[in-house]
Amino acid sequence: MKYTCLYIISLFFFLIGLSACWQEEYIGQSQSSDDLGDGLYLSLYLPDQLSKNATRAVNEDVINNMYAIYFQETGGSMKCKGYKKLKNETPDNDKVYHYKLTNYPTGSKIDIMFIANLENYITPPTDGSWEGRTADDMLENVLFPPSRSESVWAANDANVYIPMYTRARNLTIPVSLSAGTNYVKDNSSPVAEESTDTPDVYKLLRMVAKIEIENHLATANLESGNVKLTLSSVQVKNGHLKGFIGNNAINGTADRITTPTLYSIGNVGSGLSTVANSPSIVDNKQTMVFYLFETNVANADVKSESNCHIVLTGKKGTDTGTSTFMLPIPAVNASLVADKDNPGPVLRNHYYKYVIKGVADNIVAFEVEINVLDWVPSSTNVNLTVGE
């Protein structure tokens, strides 16, 4: 397909936040952390909810259920020792959720995977069949939602909960803990609450990217010299039909990942998936929100149709016929600056917002702004705590 050149003023936002909301309103009596009792705890810090007016299509900030999957090194491999569904909790007075962990292994070389919304897509076995499987095998061959018929996640579906993942690595958990509260720290024994050592802060990362397209139609909002583009169809080309819940972050404290986790499914998918046909017009603009699995770069040319990209079909100005346009995903460097001359992967836990302000013939140009927003955060701070 040959694409008509498109002039886009594009605001392209990445959301790499520090917390995910549990629910819109808290239900139940808040408890103090002093009431938790003995044991090993997972603590989730949730800051003030800044997101109630945010644009969203699914439960992208909701933890419907939480699981801990335990691994310990055996014979040179991290092998599953079991899992536990964590009891839903209400927050304490500091808006910290405390999940009590049970049935965890003790000793050294322990990893714990924490997965939010696992059971919305996978039914954990009751026959112990996960036990003995390696962590790598689980991540690639078990911990992924069923493949979809299209690469675009359904919008406006209240029953969709996005899986989120983090992993604590190389832990040493003694049989008998020090008195008081202790915090889990990668490559370390638990850190006592009164210690001068700093515990690690873990972050849950969503397994998908969020895309928002805001197409302006009012003349006053168009870039000078442009004509409006009235969209009749929005599609995604070469998106993947599946993704993996786990990510390739070296540790669970990473704010973001920079390379997609794809295992053997290839850099990109194939075919077209429809986001919207005849997008509705509200307040002189068309707005679409959808979600994509990760992809990688298949061709170094930003104009290449081999990469995953967005396909826009619509009428320019007063034209009676439709034209087709390509909206690429640009590369992003470590400073969160987009390189519009090079294609980039679709990365989990990132929020891409395109604001279209008209079309000019025979020009391909788009400005990209990358921000960390006070919106629904894309990750959750996690302290793993050991009770006294």
Foldseek 3Di string as FASTA:
>chain_A
DDAFFWAFAWAWAWALFAAFDADDDFDDDAAAPVPPDFAWKKKFADDDAPAPPPDFFESARHQPWKKKWKWADDPNFTWTPGMDTWDDATHHPRRMGITGDPPYDAFWFMKIKMKGPQVLAADDDPPCVRTGDGPVCCQPPPFKGDFAPAQWDDGNDHSDYFMWMFMAGTEHEHPDDDAFKWWTAHVYYTHHPPDPDDHAWFKIFTQKEKEKEKFAQDLVQADPPFFGWQFQWKKKFFFGRITTNDADDPHRRDSFDQDGDDPPPAQTHGDIDTQDGRADADPRIGMGMIIGGKGFDPDFFQPDPNHIWMKTWTDTHPDPHIGIHTGAAFHADPVRATDSRTGGMRGTSIYTYTYGRGTDGPDHDYDYDYDHDPHSHRMIIMITMGGD
